[in-house]
Amino acid sequence: MTKPVLLAGLLGGLLGGIGGFVLLRSFPSAVKPPAATEAPRSEVRERADDLVAKLRAGREDDFFNTVRAGSVKQVKDEDFEKYREHMTELRKGFAQNLGAPGDIEFSRELVVSPSLVRVAYIAKHARGCVTLFVVFYNTMDGWRILGVIYVPVEDAFKELH
């Protein structure tokens, strides 16, 4: 082969590559990624969202009354007051350590079994966040609250992914 033929091949390859690149970049791709759609909310998720909405709105009395009324366990008044005080103290401690509380956002719904579902939320603060778990159990009477638990996000992180 001669030099002019090699030079023509090299020049043709370069021009073809550049032309192909320009054409690909100038036309939109035919395949568009599917739009992100949120999974339909389950009955449990709706109940958990309603419960958390009461916390967001600052209606703590409604929140605790709903937890007590929807609980699997029938709790004595003095035991429930201890639980309420404990949860209130936890929230105050989070505010002291992590700053002013902000929004509470949905994280994940985990169906552990057909009878047990855990819904996780992230309670945001100025300098950090904590995880709020709401656990439901499906009794003969329908879905009931098994527990509402705050967990530092560092401890809960392994369970959230």
N, C-alpha and C. Protein backbone atom coordinates (compact mmCIF):
# COMPACT_ATOMS: atom_id res chain seq x y z
N MET A 1 0.83 -1.17 0.00
CA MET A 1 0.00 0.00 0.00
C MET A 1 0.88 1.24 0.00
N THR A 2 0.29 2.26 -0.52
CA THR A 2 1.06 3.49 -0.64
C THR A 2 0.61 4.48 0.42
N LYS A 3 1.43 5.48 0.60
CA LYS A 3 1.12 6.50 1.60
C LYS A 3 -0.19 7.23 1.32
N PRO A 4 -0.51 7.61 0.08
CA PRO A 4 -1.77 8.31 -0.15
C PRO A 4 -3.00 7.46 0.23
N VAL A 5 -2.95 6.17 0.03
CA VAL A 5 -4.07 5.31 0.36
C VAL A 5 -4.24 5.24 1.89
N LEU A 6 -3.15 5.09 2.64
CA LEU A 6 -3.21 5.07 4.10
C LEU A 6 -3.71 6.39 4.65
N LEU A 7 -3.22 7.49 4.06
CA LEU A 7 -3.65 8.80 4.51
C LEU A 7 -5.15 9.00 4.24
N ALA A 8 -5.63 8.56 3.08
CA ALA A 8 -7.05 8.68 2.75
C ALA A 8 -7.90 7.84 3.70
N GLY A 9 -7.45 6.65 4.03
CA GLY A 9 -8.18 5.78 4.97
C GLY A 9 -8.25 6.39 6.37
N LEU A 10 -7.14 6.94 6.82
CA LEU A 10 -7.08 7.56 8.13
C LEU A 10 -7.98 8.80 8.18
N LEU A 11 -7.89 9.63 7.15
CA LEU A 11 -8.71 10.83 7.09
C LEU A 11 -10.20 10.47 6.99
N GLY A 12 -10.55 9.47 6.21
CA GLY A 12 -11.95 9.03 6.09
C GLY A 12 -12.47 8.49 7.40
N GLY A 13 -11.67 7.74 8.13
CA GLY A 13 -12.08 7.21 9.43
C GLY A 13 -12.32 8.31 10.44
N LEU A 14 -11.42 9.30 10.46
CA LEU A 14 -11.58 10.42 11.39
C LEU A 14 -12.82 11.24 11.06
N LEU A 15 -12.99 11.57 9.78
CA LEU A 15 -14.15 12.36 9.38
C LEU A 15 -15.46 11.60 9.63
N GLY A 16 -15.47 10.32 9.35
CA GLY A 16 -16.66 9.50 9.61
C GLY A 16 -16.99 9.44 11.09
N GLY A 17 -15.97 9.28 11.93
CA GLY A 17 -16.19 9.24 13.39
C GLY A 17 -16.72 10.56 13.92
N ILE A 18 -16.13 11.65 13.48
CA ILE A 18 -16.58 12.97 13.92
C ILE A 18 -18.00 13.24 13.42
N GLY A 19 -18.26 12.91 12.15
CA GLY A 19 -19.60 13.12 11.60
C GLY A 19 -20.64 12.29 12.33
N GLY A 20 -20.32 11.04 12.62
CA GLY A 20 -21.26 10.19 13.37
C GLY A 20 -21.53 10.72 14.76
N PHE A 21 -20.48 11.20 15.42
CA PHE A 21 -20.62 11.77 16.77
C PHE A 21 -21.54 12.99 16.74
N VAL A 22 -21.32 13.88 15.78
CA VAL A 22 -22.13 15.09 15.65
C VAL A 22 -23.59 14.73 15.38
N LEU A 23 -23.83 13.77 14.49
CA LEU A 23 -25.20 13.38 14.18
C LEU A 23 -25.91 12.76 15.39
N LEU A 24 -25.20 11.93 16.13
CA LEU A 24 -25.81 11.33 17.32
C LEU A 24 -26.15 12.36 18.37
N ARG A 25 -25.31 13.36 18.52
CA ARG A 25 -25.56 14.40 19.52
C ARG A 25 -26.63 15.39 19.09
N SER A 26 -26.85 15.55 17.81
CA SER A 26 -27.79 16.56 17.33
C SER A 26 -29.24 16.07 17.31
N PHE A 27 -29.47 14.77 17.28
CA PHE A 27 -30.82 14.23 17.27
C PHE A 27 -31.14 13.61 18.62
N PRO A 28 -32.37 13.82 19.13
CA PRO A 28 -32.72 13.21 20.41
C PRO A 28 -32.78 11.69 20.28
N SER A 29 -32.47 11.02 21.37
CA SER A 29 -32.52 9.56 21.33
C SER A 29 -33.98 9.11 21.24
N ALA A 30 -34.19 8.00 20.57
CA ALA A 30 -35.54 7.49 20.36
C ALA A 30 -36.11 6.89 21.65
N VAL A 31 -35.26 6.37 22.50
CA VAL A 31 -35.72 5.71 23.72
C VAL A 31 -35.57 6.69 24.87
N LYS A 32 -36.70 7.01 25.49
CA LYS A 32 -36.68 7.90 26.65
C LYS A 32 -36.83 7.05 27.90
N PRO A 33 -36.13 7.43 28.96
CA PRO A 33 -36.28 6.65 30.19
C PRO A 33 -37.70 6.77 30.71
N PRO A 34 -38.21 5.71 31.31
CA PRO A 34 -39.58 5.76 31.83
C PRO A 34 -39.69 6.77 32.96
N ALA A 35 -40.81 7.42 33.03
CA ALA A 35 -41.05 8.39 34.09
C ALA A 35 -41.16 7.64 35.42
N ALA A 36 -40.57 8.24 36.44
CA ALA A 36 -40.63 7.62 37.76
C ALA A 36 -42.06 7.70 38.29
N THR A 37 -42.59 6.56 38.65
CA THR A 37 -43.94 6.53 39.21
C THR A 37 -43.87 5.97 40.62
N GLU A 38 -44.65 6.56 41.48
CA GLU A 38 -44.68 6.10 42.85
C GLU A 38 -45.62 4.90 42.94
N ALA A 39 -45.19 3.91 43.69
CA ALA A 39 -46.02 2.72 43.87
C ALA A 39 -47.31 3.12 44.59
N PRO A 40 -48.41 2.44 44.26
CA PRO A 40 -49.66 2.78 44.94
C PRO A 40 -49.52 2.57 46.45
N ARG A 41 -50.13 3.44 47.19
CA ARG A 41 -50.02 3.36 48.65
C ARG A 41 -50.92 2.26 49.19
N SER A 42 -50.37 1.49 50.08
CA SER A 42 -51.15 0.43 50.70
C SER A 42 -52.01 1.01 51.82
N GLU A 43 -52.90 0.20 52.32
CA GLU A 43 -53.75 0.61 53.44
C GLU A 43 -52.88 0.96 54.65
N VAL A 44 -51.85 0.16 54.87
CA VAL A 44 -50.95 0.39 56.00
C VAL A 44 -50.22 1.72 55.84
N ARG A 45 -49.73 1.98 54.64
CA ARG A 45 -49.01 3.23 54.38
C ARG A 45 -49.94 4.42 54.59
N GLU A 46 -51.18 4.32 54.17
CA GLU A 46 -52.15 5.41 54.38
C GLU A 46 -52.33 5.68 55.87
N ARG A 47 -52.46 4.62 56.64
CA ARG A 47 -52.64 4.79 58.09
C ARG A 47 -51.41 5.39 58.73
N ALA A 48 -50.23 4.94 58.30
CA ALA A 48 -48.99 5.48 58.85
C ALA A 48 -48.83 6.95 58.45
N ASP A 49 -49.14 7.28 57.20
CA ASP A 49 -49.05 8.67 56.76
C ASP A 49 -49.99 9.58 57.55
N ASP A 50 -51.20 9.09 57.83
CA ASP A 50 -52.14 9.88 58.64
C ASP A 50 -51.60 10.11 60.05
N LEU A 51 -50.98 9.08 60.59
CA LEU A 51 -50.40 9.19 61.93
C LEU A 51 -49.27 10.21 61.95
N VAL A 52 -48.38 10.12 60.98
CA VAL A 52 -47.24 11.04 60.91
C VAL A 52 -47.69 12.46 60.60
N ALA A 53 -48.76 12.60 59.83
CA ALA A 53 -49.29 13.95 59.53
C ALA A 53 -49.68 14.67 60.82
N LYS A 54 -50.13 13.94 61.81
CA LYS A 54 -50.49 14.55 63.09
C LYS A 54 -49.24 15.08 63.80
N LEU A 55 -48.14 14.35 63.70
CA LEU A 55 -46.89 14.86 64.26
C LEU A 55 -46.41 16.10 63.52
N ARG A 56 -46.49 16.04 62.18
CA ARG A 56 -46.06 17.19 61.37
C ARG A 56 -46.83 18.45 61.76
N ALA A 57 -48.12 18.28 62.00
CA ALA A 57 -48.99 19.43 62.30
C ALA A 57 -48.88 19.86 63.77
N GLY A 58 -48.09 19.13 64.56
CA GLY A 58 -47.93 19.48 65.97
C GLY A 58 -49.10 19.07 66.84
N ARG A 59 -49.93 18.16 66.36
CA ARG A 59 -51.09 17.67 67.11
C ARG A 59 -50.71 16.41 67.88
N GLU A 60 -49.89 16.59 68.91
CA GLU A 60 -49.37 15.44 69.66
C GLU A 60 -50.47 14.68 70.40
N ASP A 61 -51.46 15.40 70.91
CA ASP A 61 -52.56 14.71 71.60
C ASP A 61 -53.27 13.76 70.64
N ASP A 62 -53.57 14.26 69.43
CA ASP A 62 -54.22 13.40 68.41
C ASP A 62 -53.33 12.22 68.05
N PHE A 63 -52.03 12.49 67.93
CA PHE A 63 -51.07 11.43 67.59
C PHE A 63 -51.12 10.32 68.64
N PHE A 64 -50.98 10.68 69.91
CA PHE A 64 -50.94 9.67 70.96
C PHE A 64 -52.30 8.98 71.14
N ASN A 65 -53.39 9.72 70.96
CA ASN A 65 -54.71 9.09 71.05
C ASN A 65 -54.90 8.07 69.93
N THR A 66 -54.41 8.38 68.73
CA THR A 66 -54.51 7.45 67.60
C THR A 66 -53.64 6.22 67.84
N VAL A 67 -52.44 6.44 68.37
CA VAL A 67 -51.56 5.30 68.67
C VAL A 67 -52.23 4.39 69.69
N ARG A 68 -52.80 4.98 70.73
CA ARG A 68 -53.43 4.17 71.76
C ARG A 68 -54.66 3.44 71.23
N ALA A 69 -55.50 4.14 70.48
CA ALA A 69 -56.73 3.53 69.96
C ALA A 69 -56.43 2.45 68.93
N GLY A 70 -55.36 2.61 68.16
CA GLY A 70 -55.04 1.66 67.10
C GLY A 70 -54.06 0.58 67.50
N SER A 71 -53.67 0.57 68.76
CA SER A 71 -52.66 -0.37 69.22
C SER A 71 -53.19 -1.80 69.33
N VAL A 72 -52.30 -2.74 69.10
CA VAL A 72 -52.62 -4.16 69.29
C VAL A 72 -52.86 -4.44 70.77
N LYS A 73 -52.06 -3.82 71.60
CA LYS A 73 -52.12 -4.07 73.04
C LYS A 73 -53.09 -3.11 73.72
N GLN A 74 -53.77 -3.61 74.70
CA GLN A 74 -54.58 -2.76 75.57
C GLN A 74 -53.68 -2.36 76.73
N VAL A 75 -53.33 -1.08 76.78
CA VAL A 75 -52.35 -0.59 77.74
C VAL A 75 -53.06 0.17 78.86
N LYS A 76 -52.59 -0.04 80.08
CA LYS A 76 -53.14 0.68 81.23
C LYS A 76 -52.79 2.16 81.11
N ASP A 77 -53.61 2.99 81.74
CA ASP A 77 -53.41 4.44 81.65
C ASP A 77 -52.01 4.86 82.11
N GLU A 78 -51.56 4.33 83.24
CA GLU A 78 -50.24 4.74 83.76
C GLU A 78 -49.10 4.26 82.85
N ASP A 79 -49.24 3.09 82.24
CA ASP A 79 -48.22 2.60 81.31
C ASP A 79 -48.19 3.44 80.03
N PHE A 80 -49.37 3.84 79.58
CA PHE A 80 -49.41 4.66 78.38
C PHE A 80 -48.83 6.04 78.65
N GLU A 81 -49.07 6.58 79.83
CA GLU A 81 -48.49 7.88 80.17
C GLU A 81 -46.97 7.80 80.23
N LYS A 82 -46.43 6.69 80.73
CA LYS A 82 -44.97 6.50 80.73
C LYS A 82 -44.43 6.46 79.30
N TYR A 83 -45.14 5.75 78.44
CA TYR A 83 -44.74 5.67 77.02
C TYR A 83 -44.78 7.06 76.39
N ARG A 84 -45.85 7.80 76.65
CA ARG A 84 -45.99 9.14 76.09
C ARG A 84 -44.87 10.06 76.59
N GLU A 85 -44.58 10.01 77.87
CA GLU A 85 -43.50 10.83 78.43
C GLU A 85 -42.16 10.45 77.81
N HIS A 86 -41.94 9.14 77.65
CA HIS A 86 -40.69 8.66 77.05
C HIS A 86 -40.54 9.20 75.62
N MET A 87 -41.59 9.09 74.82
CA MET A 87 -41.53 9.57 73.43
C MET A 87 -41.34 11.09 73.38
N THR A 88 -42.00 11.80 74.28
CA THR A 88 -41.87 13.26 74.31
C THR A 88 -40.46 13.65 74.71
N GLU A 89 -39.89 12.96 75.69
CA GLU A 89 -38.51 13.24 76.11
C GLU A 89 -37.51 12.92 74.98
N LEU A 90 -37.76 11.83 74.26
CA LEU A 90 -36.90 11.51 73.12
C LEU A 90 -36.91 12.64 72.10
N ARG A 91 -38.09 13.12 71.78
CA ARG A 91 -38.20 14.19 70.78
C ARG A 91 -37.52 15.47 71.26
N LYS A 92 -37.66 15.78 72.56
CA LYS A 92 -36.98 16.96 73.11
C LYS A 92 -35.46 16.77 73.06
N GLY A 93 -35.00 15.57 73.37
CA GLY A 93 -33.57 15.28 73.30
C GLY A 93 -33.02 15.40 71.88
N PHE A 94 -33.79 14.93 70.91
CA PHE A 94 -33.37 15.07 69.51
C PHE A 94 -33.27 16.54 69.14
N ALA A 95 -34.22 17.34 69.60
CA ALA A 95 -34.21 18.77 69.29
C ALA A 95 -33.00 19.45 69.93
N GLN A 96 -32.64 19.05 71.15
CA GLN A 96 -31.47 19.63 71.82
C GLN A 96 -30.17 19.23 71.11
N ASN A 97 -30.07 17.95 70.74
CA ASN A 97 -28.82 17.45 70.15
C ASN A 97 -28.69 17.75 68.67
N LEU A 98 -29.80 17.76 67.94
CA LEU A 98 -29.75 17.87 66.48
C LEU A 98 -30.31 19.19 65.95
N GLY A 99 -30.78 20.04 66.82
CA GLY A 99 -31.33 21.32 66.36
C GLY A 99 -32.83 21.24 66.16
N ALA A 100 -33.36 22.33 65.68
CA ALA A 100 -34.80 22.47 65.51
C ALA A 100 -35.36 21.37 64.60
N PRO A 101 -36.50 20.79 64.98
CA PRO A 101 -37.09 19.75 64.13
C PRO A 101 -37.65 20.36 62.85
N GLY A 102 -37.57 19.58 61.78
CA GLY A 102 -38.10 20.00 60.49
C GLY A 102 -39.18 19.04 60.03
N ASP A 103 -39.20 18.79 58.75
CA ASP A 103 -40.23 17.93 58.18
C ASP A 103 -39.95 16.46 58.48
N ILE A 104 -40.96 15.66 58.32
CA ILE A 104 -40.84 14.20 58.44
C ILE A 104 -41.16 13.65 57.06
N GLU A 105 -40.20 12.95 56.46
CA GLU A 105 -40.42 12.45 55.10
C GLU A 105 -40.47 10.93 55.07
N PHE A 106 -41.29 10.42 54.16
CA PHE A 106 -41.42 8.98 53.99
C PHE A 106 -40.10 8.41 53.48
N SER A 107 -39.72 7.25 54.00
CA SER A 107 -38.51 6.58 53.54
C SER A 107 -38.82 5.28 52.82
N ARG A 108 -39.50 4.36 53.51
CA ARG A 108 -39.72 3.05 52.91
C ARG A 108 -40.79 2.27 53.65
N GLU A 109 -41.46 1.43 52.89
CA GLU A 109 -42.44 0.50 53.46
C GLU A 109 -41.89 -0.90 53.24
N LEU A 110 -41.76 -1.65 54.31
CA LEU A 110 -41.21 -2.99 54.22
C LEU A 110 -42.28 -4.00 54.66
N VAL A 111 -42.68 -4.86 53.74
CA VAL A 111 -43.62 -5.92 54.06
C VAL A 111 -42.79 -7.09 54.57
N VAL A 112 -42.77 -7.26 55.87
CA VAL A 112 -41.99 -8.33 56.49
C VAL A 112 -42.67 -9.67 56.24
N SER A 113 -43.98 -9.68 56.34
CA SER A 113 -44.80 -10.86 56.04
C SER A 113 -46.19 -10.35 55.70
N PRO A 114 -47.09 -11.22 55.25
CA PRO A 114 -48.45 -10.73 54.96
C PRO A 114 -49.15 -10.13 56.18
N SER A 115 -48.64 -10.43 57.37
CA SER A 115 -49.26 -9.93 58.59
C SER A 115 -48.46 -8.85 59.30
N LEU A 116 -47.28 -8.52 58.81
CA LEU A 116 -46.41 -7.57 59.50
C LEU A 116 -45.78 -6.61 58.50
N VAL A 117 -46.00 -5.31 58.72
CA VAL A 117 -45.47 -4.28 57.82
C VAL A 117 -44.83 -3.19 58.67
N ARG A 118 -43.65 -2.75 58.21
CA ARG A 118 -42.95 -1.65 58.89
C ARG A 118 -42.81 -0.49 57.92
N VAL A 119 -43.22 0.69 58.35
CA VAL A 119 -43.11 1.89 57.54
C VAL A 119 -42.09 2.80 58.21
N ALA A 120 -41.09 3.24 57.44
CA ALA A 120 -40.01 4.07 57.98
C ALA A 120 -40.13 5.50 57.46
N TYR A 121 -39.86 6.44 58.36
CA TYR A 121 -39.84 7.86 58.03
C TYR A 121 -38.54 8.45 58.55
N ILE A 122 -38.11 9.54 57.93
CA ILE A 122 -36.94 10.27 58.39
C ILE A 122 -37.43 11.58 58.98
N ALA A 123 -37.18 11.77 60.27
CA ALA A 123 -37.55 13.02 60.96
C ALA A 123 -36.32 13.93 60.90
N LYS A 124 -36.42 14.97 60.08
CA LYS A 124 -35.27 15.85 59.84
C LYS A 124 -35.16 16.91 60.93
N HIS A 125 -33.92 17.22 61.27
CA HIS A 125 -33.59 18.29 62.21
C HIS A 125 -32.54 19.18 61.55
N ALA A 126 -32.21 20.28 62.18
CA ALA A 126 -31.27 21.24 61.60
C ALA A 126 -29.89 20.63 61.36
N ARG A 127 -29.43 19.77 62.28
CA ARG A 127 -28.08 19.20 62.17
C ARG A 127 -28.06 17.67 62.12
N GLY A 128 -29.11 17.08 61.63
CA GLY A 128 -29.14 15.62 61.55
C GLY A 128 -30.57 15.13 61.41
N CYS A 129 -30.72 13.83 61.59
CA CYS A 129 -32.07 13.25 61.47
C CYS A 129 -32.14 11.97 62.29
N VAL A 130 -33.36 11.54 62.52
CA VAL A 130 -33.62 10.27 63.20
C VAL A 130 -34.66 9.51 62.39
N THR A 131 -34.71 8.22 62.61
CA THR A 131 -35.65 7.38 61.90
C THR A 131 -36.84 7.09 62.80
N LEU A 132 -38.02 7.19 62.22
CA LEU A 132 -39.25 6.87 62.93
C LEU A 132 -39.85 5.65 62.24
N PHE A 133 -39.98 4.56 62.99
CA PHE A 133 -40.59 3.34 62.46
C PHE A 133 -42.00 3.21 63.04
N VAL A 134 -42.95 2.90 62.16
CA VAL A 134 -44.30 2.57 62.59
C VAL A 134 -44.54 1.14 62.12
N VAL A 135 -44.81 0.25 63.06
CA VAL A 135 -44.96 -1.17 62.75
C VAL A 135 -46.43 -1.57 62.94
N PHE A 136 -46.96 -2.25 61.92
CA PHE A 136 -48.35 -2.68 61.94
C PHE A 136 -48.42 -4.20 61.90
N TYR A 137 -49.45 -4.73 62.58
CA TYR A 137 -49.71 -6.16 62.59
C TYR A 137 -51.15 -6.37 62.15
N ASN A 138 -51.38 -7.32 61.26
CA ASN A 138 -52.72 -7.59 60.75
C ASN A 138 -53.41 -8.61 61.65
N THR A 139 -54.31 -8.11 62.49
CA THR A 139 -55.06 -8.98 63.41
C THR A 139 -56.35 -9.41 62.73
N MET A 140 -57.17 -10.16 63.45
CA MET A 140 -58.47 -10.56 62.92
C MET A 140 -59.37 -9.35 62.70
N ASP A 141 -59.09 -8.26 63.44
CA ASP A 141 -59.88 -7.03 63.33
C ASP A 141 -59.31 -6.06 62.30
N GLY A 142 -58.26 -6.44 61.62
CA GLY A 142 -57.61 -5.55 60.66
C GLY A 142 -56.24 -5.09 61.15
N TRP A 143 -55.68 -4.14 60.43
CA TRP A 143 -54.33 -3.66 60.75
C TRP A 143 -54.35 -2.84 62.04
N ARG A 144 -53.45 -3.20 62.95
CA ARG A 144 -53.32 -2.51 64.23
C ARG A 144 -51.85 -2.11 64.41
N ILE A 145 -51.63 -1.08 65.22
CA ILE A 145 -50.27 -0.59 65.47
C ILE A 145 -49.60 -1.49 66.50
N LEU A 146 -48.46 -2.04 66.10
CA LEU A 146 -47.68 -2.87 67.01
C LEU A 146 -46.66 -2.03 67.76
N GLY A 147 -46.17 -0.97 67.13
CA GLY A 147 -45.22 -0.10 67.80
C GLY A 147 -44.86 1.12 66.98
N VAL A 148 -44.48 2.18 67.69
CA VAL A 148 -43.94 3.40 67.09
C VAL A 148 -42.61 3.63 67.78
N ILE A 149 -41.54 3.63 66.99
CA ILE A 149 -40.19 3.60 67.55
C ILE A 149 -39.32 4.65 66.88
N TYR A 150 -38.59 5.43 67.68
CA TYR A 150 -37.55 6.32 67.16
C TYR A 150 -36.22 5.61 67.28
N VAL A 151 -35.42 5.68 66.23
CA VAL A 151 -34.09 5.07 66.23
C VAL A 151 -33.12 6.07 65.61
N PRO A 152 -31.96 6.31 66.25
CA PRO A 152 -30.97 7.18 65.60
C PRO A 152 -30.65 6.66 64.20
N VAL A 153 -30.52 7.55 63.26
CA VAL A 153 -30.37 7.14 61.86
C VAL A 153 -29.11 6.29 61.66
N GLU A 154 -28.08 6.52 62.45
CA GLU A 154 -26.86 5.72 62.33
C GLU A 154 -27.13 4.25 62.63
N ASP A 155 -28.00 4.01 63.61
CA ASP A 155 -28.35 2.64 63.97
C ASP A 155 -29.33 2.02 62.99
N ALA A 156 -30.20 2.85 62.41
CA ALA A 156 -31.23 2.34 61.51
C ALA A 156 -30.76 2.26 60.07
N PHE A 157 -29.64 2.88 59.74
CA PHE A 157 -29.23 2.99 58.34
C PHE A 157 -29.08 1.63 57.67
N LYS A 158 -28.55 0.66 58.35
CA LYS A 158 -28.36 -0.67 57.74
C LYS A 158 -29.70 -1.30 57.36
N GLU A 159 -30.78 -0.91 58.04
CA GLU A 159 -32.10 -1.46 57.75
C GLU A 159 -32.83 -0.69 56.66
N LEU A 160 -32.37 0.51 56.34
CA LEU A 160 -33.08 1.35 55.39
C LEU A 160 -32.70 1.08 53.94
N HIS A 161 -31.64 0.38 53.69
CA HIS A 161 -31.27 0.14 52.28
C HIS A 161 -31.44 -1.31 51.91
